[in-house]
Each structure stands twice: as C-alpha cells, then as structure tokens.
Amino acid sequence: MRVASLNLCTDELLLTLADPAQIVSVTHLAQQPAE
C-alpha cells in the first residue's frame, strides 16, 4: 500500500510502522530537527 501523511503525528506513525517502500510523502514538519 502506498501511504501519505498530512499531520506530524501521523508522519511519526507512518515513519515508524510502514515499510520504507510504502511511504509516498510526509509533511514538511517531519523533515525538521526541531519538530
């Protein structure tokens, strides 16, 4: 399944639970060290 996330909390769930090949997109917040 190809999955995208629209919220930092769901970004973290996706990054933790999904196989990397399934991740289509995360929010810009998931790419910031302060977040």
PDB file of all heavy atoms in Angstrom:
ATOM      1  N   MET A   1       0.846  -1.185   0.000  1.00  0.00           N
ATOM      2  CA  MET A   1       0.000   0.000   0.000  1.00  0.00           C
ATOM      3  C   MET A   1       0.886   1.242   0.000  1.00  0.00           C
ATOM      4  O   MET A   1       1.850   1.312   0.746  1.00  0.00           O
ATOM      5  CB  MET A   1      -0.891  -0.027   1.242  1.00  0.00           C
ATOM      6  CG  MET A   1      -1.851   1.125   1.320  1.00  0.00           C
ATOM      7  SD  MET A   1      -2.933   1.011   2.761  1.00  0.00           S
ATOM      8  CE  MET A   1      -4.033  -0.274   2.230  1.00  0.00           C
ATOM      9  N   ARG A   2       0.553   2.224  -0.830  1.00  0.00           N
ATOM     10  CA  ARG A   2       1.281   3.491  -0.879  1.00  0.00           C
ATOM     11  C   ARG A   2       0.566   4.479   0.030  1.00  0.00           C
ATOM     12  O   ARG A   2      -0.622   4.718  -0.139  1.00  0.00           O
ATOM     13  CB  ARG A   2       1.321   3.998  -2.319  1.00  0.00           C
ATOM     14  CG  ARG A   2       2.100   3.069  -3.243  1.00  0.00           C
ATOM     15  CD  ARG A   2       1.956   3.411  -4.720  1.00  0.00           C
ATOM     16  NE  ARG A   2       1.758   4.811  -5.023  1.00  0.00           N
ATOM     17  CZ  ARG A   2       2.743   5.730  -5.191  1.00  0.00           C
ATOM     18  NH1 ARG A   2       3.989   5.354  -5.078  1.00  0.00           N
ATOM     19  NH2 ARG A   2       2.467   6.973  -5.469  1.00  0.00           N
ATOM     20  N   VAL A   3       1.318   5.057   0.985  1.00  0.00           N
ATOM     21  CA  VAL A   3       0.701   5.851   2.035  1.00  0.00           C
ATOM     22  C   VAL A   3       1.362   7.223   2.140  1.00  0.00           C
ATOM     23  O   VAL A   3       2.580   7.342   2.079  1.00  0.00           O
ATOM     24  CB  VAL A   3       0.803   5.133   3.399  1.00  0.00           C
ATOM     25  CG1 VAL A   3       0.044   5.895   4.475  1.00  0.00           C
ATOM     26  CG2 VAL A   3       0.297   3.701   3.288  1.00  0.00           C
ATOM     27  N   ALA A   4       0.521   8.248   2.330  1.00  0.00           N
ATOM     28  CA  ALA A   4       0.982   9.612   2.583  1.00  0.00           C
ATOM     29  C   ALA A   4       0.408  10.067   3.921  1.00  0.00           C
ATOM     30  O   ALA A   4      -0.618   9.568   4.365  1.00  0.00           O
ATOM     31  CB  ALA A   4       0.526  10.552   1.466  1.00  0.00           C
ATOM     32  N   SER A   5       1.068  11.033   4.543  1.00  0.00           N
ATOM     33  CA  SER A   5       0.614  11.568   5.816  1.00  0.00           C
ATOM     34  C   SER A   5       0.473  13.082   5.720  1.00  0.00           C
ATOM     35  O   SER A   5       1.289  13.745   5.076  1.00  0.00           O
ATOM     36  CB  SER A   5       1.627  11.211   6.909  1.00  0.00           C
ATOM     37  OG  SER A   5       1.329  11.904   8.100  1.00  0.00           O
ATOM     38  N   LEU A   6      -0.559  13.612   6.387  1.00  0.00           N
ATOM     39  CA  LEU A   6      -0.828  15.054   6.342  1.00  0.00           C
ATOM     40  C   LEU A   6      -0.681  15.739   7.702  1.00  0.00           C
ATOM     41  O   LEU A   6      -1.104  16.881   7.865  1.00  0.00           O
ATOM     42  CB  LEU A   6      -2.254  15.311   5.815  1.00  0.00           C
ATOM     43  CG  LEU A   6      -2.575  14.744   4.450  1.00  0.00           C
ATOM     44  CD1 LEU A   6      -4.009  15.108   4.059  1.00  0.00           C
ATOM     45  CD2 LEU A   6      -1.594  15.229   3.386  1.00  0.00           C
ATOM     46  N   ASN A   7      -0.074  15.054   8.673  1.00  0.00           N
ATOM     47  CA  ASN A   7      -0.007  15.583  10.029  1.00  0.00           C
ATOM     48  C   ASN A   7       1.273  15.054  10.676  1.00  0.00           C
ATOM     49  O   ASN A   7       1.649  13.909  10.442  1.00  0.00           O
ATOM     50  CB  ASN A   7      -1.259  15.097  10.782  1.00  0.00           C
ATOM     51  CG  ASN A   7      -1.262  15.432  12.238  1.00  0.00           C
ATOM     52  OD1 ASN A   7      -0.612  14.758  13.026  1.00  0.00           O
ATOM     53  ND2 ASN A   7      -2.001  16.451  12.606  1.00  0.00           N
ATOM     54  N   LEU A   8       1.936  15.852  11.496  1.00  0.00           N
ATOM     55  CA  LEU A   8       3.189  15.413  12.108  1.00  0.00           C
ATOM     56  C   LEU A   8       3.005  14.144  12.944  1.00  0.00           C
ATOM     57  O   LEU A   8       3.850  13.245  12.899  1.00  0.00           O
ATOM     58  CB  LEU A   8       3.801  16.531  12.962  1.00  0.00           C
ATOM     59  CG  LEU A   8       5.115  16.187  13.653  1.00  0.00           C
ATOM     60  CD1 LEU A   8       6.194  15.784  12.650  1.00  0.00           C
ATOM     61  CD2 LEU A   8       5.572  17.351  14.510  1.00  0.00           C
ATOM     62  N   CYS A   9       1.930  14.047  13.682  1.00  0.00           N
ATOM     63  CA  CYS A   9       1.705  12.832  14.485  1.00  0.00           C
ATOM     64  C   CYS A   9       1.558  11.606  13.596  1.00  0.00           C
ATOM     65  O   CYS A   9       2.122  10.549  13.885  1.00  0.00           O
ATOM     66  CB  CYS A   9       0.478  12.993  15.371  1.00  0.00           C
ATOM     67  SG  CYS A   9       0.677  14.249  16.644  1.00  0.00           S
ATOM     68  N   THR A  10       0.819  11.739  12.503  1.00  0.00           N
ATOM     69  CA  THR A  10       0.668  10.593  11.606  1.00  0.00           C
ATOM     70  C   THR A  10       1.940  10.368  10.793  1.00  0.00           C
ATOM     71  O   THR A  10       2.222   9.238  10.402  1.00  0.00           O
ATOM     72  CB  THR A  10      -0.574  10.734  10.702  1.00  0.00           C
ATOM     73  OG1 THR A  10      -0.530  11.957   9.981  1.00  0.00           O
ATOM     74  CG2 THR A  10      -1.845  10.649  11.528  1.00  0.00           C
ATOM     75  N   ASP A  11       2.731  11.426  10.562  1.00  0.00           N
ATOM     76  CA  ASP A  11       4.053  11.236   9.945  1.00  0.00           C
ATOM     77  C   ASP A  11       4.867  10.271  10.792  1.00  0.00           C
ATOM     78  O   ASP A  11       5.483   9.330  10.283  1.00  0.00           O
ATOM     79  CB  ASP A  11       4.843  12.554   9.881  1.00  0.00           C
ATOM     80  CG  ASP A  11       4.328  13.572   8.895  1.00  0.00           C
ATOM     81  OD1 ASP A  11       3.633  13.202   7.938  1.00  0.00           O
ATOM     82  OD2 ASP A  11       4.650  14.764   9.085  1.00  0.00           O
ATOM     83  N   GLU A  12       4.871  10.519  12.107  1.00  0.00           N
ATOM     84  CA  GLU A  12       5.679   9.697  13.002  1.00  0.00           C
ATOM     85  C   GLU A  12       5.171   8.260  13.050  1.00  0.00           C
ATOM     86  O   GLU A  12       5.971   7.321  13.079  1.00  0.00           O
ATOM     87  CB  GLU A  12       5.731  10.327  14.382  1.00  0.00           C
ATOM     88  CG  GLU A  12       6.562  11.608  14.374  1.00  0.00           C
ATOM     89  CD  GLU A  12       6.652  12.313  15.707  1.00  0.00           C
ATOM     90  OE1 GLU A  12       5.767  12.096  16.577  1.00  0.00           O
ATOM     91  OE2 GLU A  12       7.603  13.087  15.893  1.00  0.00           O
ATOM     92  N   LEU A  13       3.861   8.076  13.033  1.00  0.00           N
ATOM     93  CA  LEU A  13       3.317   6.713  12.963  1.00  0.00           C
ATOM     94  C   LEU A  13       3.746   6.033  11.667  1.00  0.00           C
ATOM     95  O   LEU A  13       4.182   4.878  11.666  1.00  0.00           O
ATOM     96  CB  LEU A  13       1.788   6.735  13.045  1.00  0.00           C
ATOM     97  CG  LEU A  13       1.177   6.928  14.417  1.00  0.00           C
ATOM     98  CD1 LEU A  13      -0.325   7.146  14.295  1.00  0.00           C
ATOM     99  CD2 LEU A  13       1.473   5.746  15.320  1.00  0.00           C
ATOM    100  N   LEU A  14       3.620   6.740  10.572  1.00  0.00           N
ATOM    101  CA  LEU A  14       3.969   6.189   9.269  1.00  0.00           C
ATOM    102  C   LEU A  14       5.453   5.836   9.204  1.00  0.00           C
ATOM    103  O   LEU A  14       5.820   4.742   8.769  1.00  0.00           O
ATOM    104  CB  LEU A  14       3.606   7.193   8.172  1.00  0.00           C
ATOM    105  CG  LEU A  14       3.833   6.766   6.725  1.00  0.00           C
ATOM    106  CD1 LEU A  14       3.024   5.523   6.396  1.00  0.00           C
ATOM    107  CD2 LEU A  14       3.466   7.909   5.783  1.00  0.00           C
ATOM    108  N   LEU A  15       6.304   6.747   9.646  1.00  0.00           N
ATOM    109  CA  LEU A  15       7.744   6.505   9.603  1.00  0.00           C
ATOM    110  C   LEU A  15       8.154   5.342  10.501  1.00  0.00           C
ATOM    111  O   LEU A  15       9.133   4.651  10.234  1.00  0.00           O
ATOM    112  CB  LEU A  15       8.506   7.768  10.000  1.00  0.00           C
ATOM    113  CG  LEU A  15       8.422   8.917   8.992  1.00  0.00           C
ATOM    114  CD1 LEU A  15       8.939  10.206   9.611  1.00  0.00           C
ATOM    115  CD2 LEU A  15       9.171   8.580   7.702  1.00  0.00           C
ATOM    116  N   THR A  16       7.398   5.102  11.543  1.00  0.00           N
ATOM    117  CA  THR A  16       7.708   4.028  12.486  1.00  0.00           C
ATOM    118  C   THR A  16       7.135   2.682  12.051  1.00  0.00           C
ATOM    119  O   THR A  16       7.787   1.651  12.202  1.00  0.00           O
ATOM    120  CB  THR A  16       7.172   4.385  13.890  1.00  0.00           C
ATOM    121  OG1 THR A  16       7.762   5.617  14.296  1.00  0.00           O
ATOM    122  CG2 THR A  16       7.510   3.311  14.900  1.00  0.00           C
ATOM    123  N   LEU A  17       5.939   2.679  11.486  1.00  0.00           N
ATOM    124  CA  LEU A  17       5.232   1.423  11.222  1.00  0.00           C
ATOM    125  C   LEU A  17       5.348   0.896   9.792  1.00  0.00           C
ATOM    126  O   LEU A  17       5.257  -0.314   9.579  1.00  0.00           O
ATOM    127  CB  LEU A  17       3.745   1.581  11.557  1.00  0.00           C
ATOM    128  CG  LEU A  17       3.417   1.885  13.009  1.00  0.00           C
ATOM    129  CD1 LEU A  17       1.919   2.149  13.157  1.00  0.00           C
ATOM    130  CD2 LEU A  17       3.859   0.754  13.914  1.00  0.00           C
ATOM    131  N   ALA A  18       5.514   1.775   8.841  1.00  0.00           N
ATOM    132  CA  ALA A  18       5.459   1.342   7.436  1.00  0.00           C
ATOM    133  C   ALA A  18       6.812   0.871   6.926  1.00  0.00           C
ATOM    134  O   ALA A  18       7.863   1.291   7.411  1.00  0.00           O
ATOM    135  CB  ALA A  18       4.962   2.486   6.563  1.00  0.00           C
ATOM    136  N   ASP A  19       6.752   0.038   5.935  1.00  0.00           N
ATOM    137  CA  ASP A  19       7.943  -0.312   5.181  1.00  0.00           C
ATOM    138  C   ASP A  19       8.339   0.938   4.389  1.00  0.00           C
ATOM    139  O   ASP A  19       7.464   1.622   3.838  1.00  0.00           O
ATOM    140  CB  ASP A  19       7.599  -1.473   4.241  1.00  0.00           C
ATOM    141  CG  ASP A  19       8.808  -1.961   3.496  1.00  0.00           C
ATOM    142  OD1 ASP A  19       9.092  -1.382   2.426  1.00  0.00           O
ATOM    143  OD2 ASP A  19       9.456  -2.905   3.963  1.00  0.00           O
ATOM    144  N   PRO A  20       9.622   1.261   4.309  1.00  0.00           N
ATOM    145  CA  PRO A  20      10.025   2.478   3.599  1.00  0.00           C
ATOM    146  C   PRO A  20       9.493   2.580   2.168  1.00  0.00           C
ATOM    147  O   PRO A  20       9.182   3.677   1.696  1.00  0.00           O
ATOM    148  CB  PRO A  20      11.553   2.414   3.610  1.00  0.00           C
ATOM    149  CG  PRO A  20      11.879   1.619   4.830  1.00  0.00           C
ATOM    150  CD  PRO A  20      10.770   0.596   4.943  1.00  0.00           C
ATOM    151  N   ALA A  21       9.341   1.458   1.489  1.00  0.00           N
ATOM    152  CA  ALA A  21       8.849   1.482   0.111  1.00  0.00           C
ATOM    153  C   ALA A  21       7.388   1.912   0.023  1.00  0.00           C
ATOM    154  O   ALA A  21       6.908   2.296  -1.044  1.00  0.00           O
ATOM    155  CB  ALA A  21       9.021   0.112  -0.528  1.00  0.00           C
ATOM    156  N   GLN A  22       6.672   1.862   1.139  1.00  0.00           N
ATOM    157  CA  GLN A  22       5.263   2.232   1.145  1.00  0.00           C
ATOM    158  C   GLN A  22       5.034   3.724   1.327  1.00  0.00           C
ATOM    159  O   GLN A  22       3.952   4.218   1.049  1.00  0.00           O
ATOM    160  CB  GLN A  22       4.548   1.492   2.277  1.00  0.00           C
ATOM    161  CG  GLN A  22       4.512  -0.005   2.093  1.00  0.00           C
ATOM    162  CD  GLN A  22       3.871  -0.658   3.276  1.00  0.00           C
ATOM    163  OE1 GLN A  22       4.488  -0.778   4.324  1.00  0.00           O
ATOM    164  NE2 GLN A  22       2.634  -1.057   3.113  1.00  0.00           N
ATOM    165  N   ILE A  23       6.016   4.439   1.826  1.00  0.00           N
ATOM    166  CA  ILE A  23       5.836   5.847   2.167  1.00  0.00           C
ATOM    167  C   ILE A  23       5.959   6.715   0.921  1.00  0.00           C
ATOM    168  O   ILE A  23       6.986   6.727   0.246  1.00  0.00           O
ATOM    169  CB  ILE A  23       6.851   6.281   3.240  1.00  0.00           C
ATOM    170  CG1 ILE A  23       6.678   5.416   4.495  1.00  0.00           C
ATOM    171  CG2 ILE A  23       6.686   7.771   3.558  1.00  0.00           C
ATOM    172  CD1 ILE A  23       7.746   5.627   5.550  1.00  0.00           C
ATOM    173  N   VAL A  24       4.879   7.437   0.620  1.00  0.00           N
ATOM    174  CA  VAL A  24       4.827   8.310  -0.548  1.00  0.00           C
ATOM    175  C   VAL A  24       5.227   9.731  -0.185  1.00  0.00           C
ATOM    176  O   VAL A  24       5.946  10.383  -0.919  1.00  0.00           O
ATOM    177  CB  VAL A  24       3.401   8.299  -1.156  1.00  0.00           C
ATOM    178  CG1 VAL A  24       3.282   9.282  -2.289  1.00  0.00           C
ATOM    179  CG2 VAL A  24       3.033   6.910  -1.612  1.00  0.00           C
ATOM    180  N   SER A  25       4.760  10.199   0.977  1.00  0.00           N
ATOM    181  CA  SER A  25       5.002  11.592   1.353  1.00  0.00           C
ATOM    182  C   SER A  25       4.727  11.799   2.837  1.00  0.00           C
ATOM    183  O   SER A  25       3.844  11.149   3.397  1.00  0.00           O
ATOM    184  CB  SER A  25       4.092  12.514   0.523  1.00  0.00           C
ATOM    185  OG  SER A  25       4.295  13.860   0.839  1.00  0.00           O
ATOM    186  N   VAL A  26       5.480  12.723   3.425  1.00  0.00           N
ATOM    187  CA  VAL A  26       5.255  13.166   4.800  1.00  0.00           C
ATOM    188  C   VAL A  26       5.225  14.695   4.786  1.00  0.00           C
ATOM    189  O   VAL A  26       5.655  15.324   3.828  1.00  0.00           O
ATOM    190  CB  VAL A  26       6.361  12.653   5.764  1.00  0.00           C
ATOM    191  CG1 VAL A  26       6.309  11.131   5.888  1.00  0.00           C
ATOM    192  CG2 VAL A  26       7.739  13.112   5.338  1.00  0.00           C
ATOM    193  N   THR A  27       4.752  15.279   5.868  1.00  0.00           N
ATOM    194  CA  THR A  27       4.693  16.738   5.907  1.00  0.00           C
ATOM    195  C   THR A  27       6.089  17.326   6.050  1.00  0.00           C
ATOM    196  O   THR A  27       7.035  16.666   6.488  1.00  0.00           O
ATOM    197  CB  THR A  27       3.828  17.252   7.081  1.00  0.00           C
ATOM    198  OG1 THR A  27       4.479  16.950   8.314  1.00  0.00           O
ATOM    199  CG2 THR A  27       2.435  16.664   7.033  1.00  0.00           C
ATOM    200  N   HIS A  28       6.191  18.581   5.712  1.00  0.00           N
ATOM    201  CA  HIS A  28       7.463  19.297   5.842  1.00  0.00           C
ATOM    202  C   HIS A  28       7.946  19.289   7.288  1.00  0.00           C
ATOM    203  O   HIS A  28       9.148  19.330   7.547  1.00  0.00           O
ATOM    204  CB  HIS A  28       7.324  20.731   5.319  1.00  0.00           C
ATOM    205  CG  HIS A  28       6.313  21.544   6.058  1.00  0.00           C
ATOM    206  ND1 HIS A  28       6.661  22.376   7.092  1.00  0.00           N
ATOM    207  CD2 HIS A  28       4.965  21.624   5.938  1.00  0.00           C
ATOM    208  CE1 HIS A  28       5.565  22.952   7.577  1.00  0.00           C
ATOM    209  NE2 HIS A  28       4.522  22.502   6.889  1.00  0.00           N
ATOM    210  N   LEU A  29       7.032  19.189   8.245  1.00  0.00           N
ATOM    211  CA  LEU A  29       7.412  19.158   9.663  1.00  0.00           C
ATOM    212  C   LEU A  29       8.216  17.907  10.006  1.00  0.00           C
ATOM    213  O   LEU A  29       9.089  17.939  10.877  1.00  0.00           O
ATOM    214  CB  LEU A  29       6.172  19.239  10.547  1.00  0.00           C
ATOM    215  CG  LEU A  29       5.363  20.526  10.437  1.00  0.00           C
ATOM    216  CD1 LEU A  29       4.069  20.406  11.228  1.00  0.00           C
ATOM    217  CD2 LEU A  29       6.181  21.721  10.878  1.00  0.00           C
ATOM    218  N   ALA A  30       7.943  16.806   9.329  1.00  0.00           N
ATOM    219  CA  ALA A  30       8.645  15.552   9.590  1.00  0.00           C
ATOM    220  C   ALA A  30      10.090  15.599   9.127  1.00  0.00           C
ATOM    221  O   ALA A  30      10.860  14.684   9.390  1.00  0.00           O
ATOM    222  CB  ALA A  30       7.927  14.389   8.908  1.00  0.00           C
ATOM    223  N   GLN A  31      10.468  16.679   8.472  1.00  0.00           N
ATOM    224  CA  GLN A  31      11.822  16.813   7.955  1.00  0.00           C
ATOM    225  C   GLN A  31      12.630  17.853   8.718  1.00  0.00           C
ATOM    226  O   GLN A  31      13.740  18.186   8.331  1.00  0.00           O
ATOM    227  CB  GLN A  31      11.755  17.171   6.473  1.00  0.00           C
ATOM    228  CG  GLN A  31      11.032  16.109   5.676  1.00  0.00           C
ATOM    229  CD  GLN A  31      10.880  16.461   4.215  1.00  0.00           C
ATOM    230  OE1 GLN A  31      11.031  17.598   3.819  1.00  0.00           O
ATOM    231  NE2 GLN A  31      10.584  15.459   3.408  1.00  0.00           N
ATOM    232  N   GLN A  32      12.083  18.342   9.817  1.00  0.00           N
ATOM    233  CA  GLN A  32      12.736  19.405  10.585  1.00  0.00           C
ATOM    234  C   GLN A  32      13.215  18.884  11.941  1.00  0.00           C
ATOM    235  O   GLN A  32      12.416  18.370  12.730  1.00  0.00           O
ATOM    236  CB  GLN A  32      11.767  20.564  10.781  1.00  0.00           C
ATOM    237  CG  GLN A  32      11.357  21.205   9.468  1.00  0.00           C
ATOM    238  CD  GLN A  32      10.365  22.326   9.650  1.00  0.00           C
ATOM    239  OE1 GLN A  32      10.215  22.866  10.740  1.00  0.00           O
ATOM    240  NE2 GLN A  32       9.688  22.677   8.584  1.00  0.00           N
ATOM    241  N   PRO A  33      14.502  19.050  12.240  1.00  0.00           N
ATOM    242  CA  PRO A  33      15.057  18.553  13.505  1.00  0.00           C
ATOM    243  C   PRO A  33      14.354  19.098  14.748  1.00  0.00           C
ATOM    244  O   PRO A  33      14.261  18.398  15.752  1.00  0.00           O
ATOM    245  CB  PRO A  33      16.512  19.023  13.472  1.00  0.00           C
ATOM    246  CG  PRO A  33      16.815  19.276  12.039  1.00  0.00           C
ATOM    247  CD  PRO A  33      15.517  19.648  11.389  1.00  0.00           C
ATOM    248  N   ALA A  34      13.844  20.298  14.690  1.00  0.00           N
ATOM    249  CA  ALA A  34      13.173  20.879  15.857  1.00  0.00           C
ATOM    250  C   ALA A  34      11.796  20.278  16.104  1.00  0.00           C
ATOM    251  O   ALA A  34      11.225  20.460  17.184  1.00  0.00           O
ATOM    252  CB  ALA A  34      13.043  22.390  15.684  1.00  0.00           C
ATOM    253  N   GLU A  35      11.259  19.546  15.149  1.00  0.00           N
ATOM    254  CA  GLU A  35       9.899  19.013  15.260  1.00  0.00           C
ATOM    255  C   GLU A  35       9.825  17.547  15.652  1.00  0.00           C
ATOM    256  O   GLU A  35       8.878  17.130  16.301  1.00  0.00           O
ATOM    257  CB  GLU A  35       9.147  19.213  13.938  1.00  0.00           C
ATOM    258  CG  GLU A  35       8.956  20.654  13.530  1.00  0.00           C
ATOM    259  CD  GLU A  35       8.059  21.430  14.488  1.00  0.00           C
ATOM    260  OE1 GLU A  35       7.224  20.828  15.189  1.00  0.00           O
ATOM    261  OE2 GLU A  35       8.198  22.664  14.529  1.00  0.00           O
TER     262      GLU A  35
END
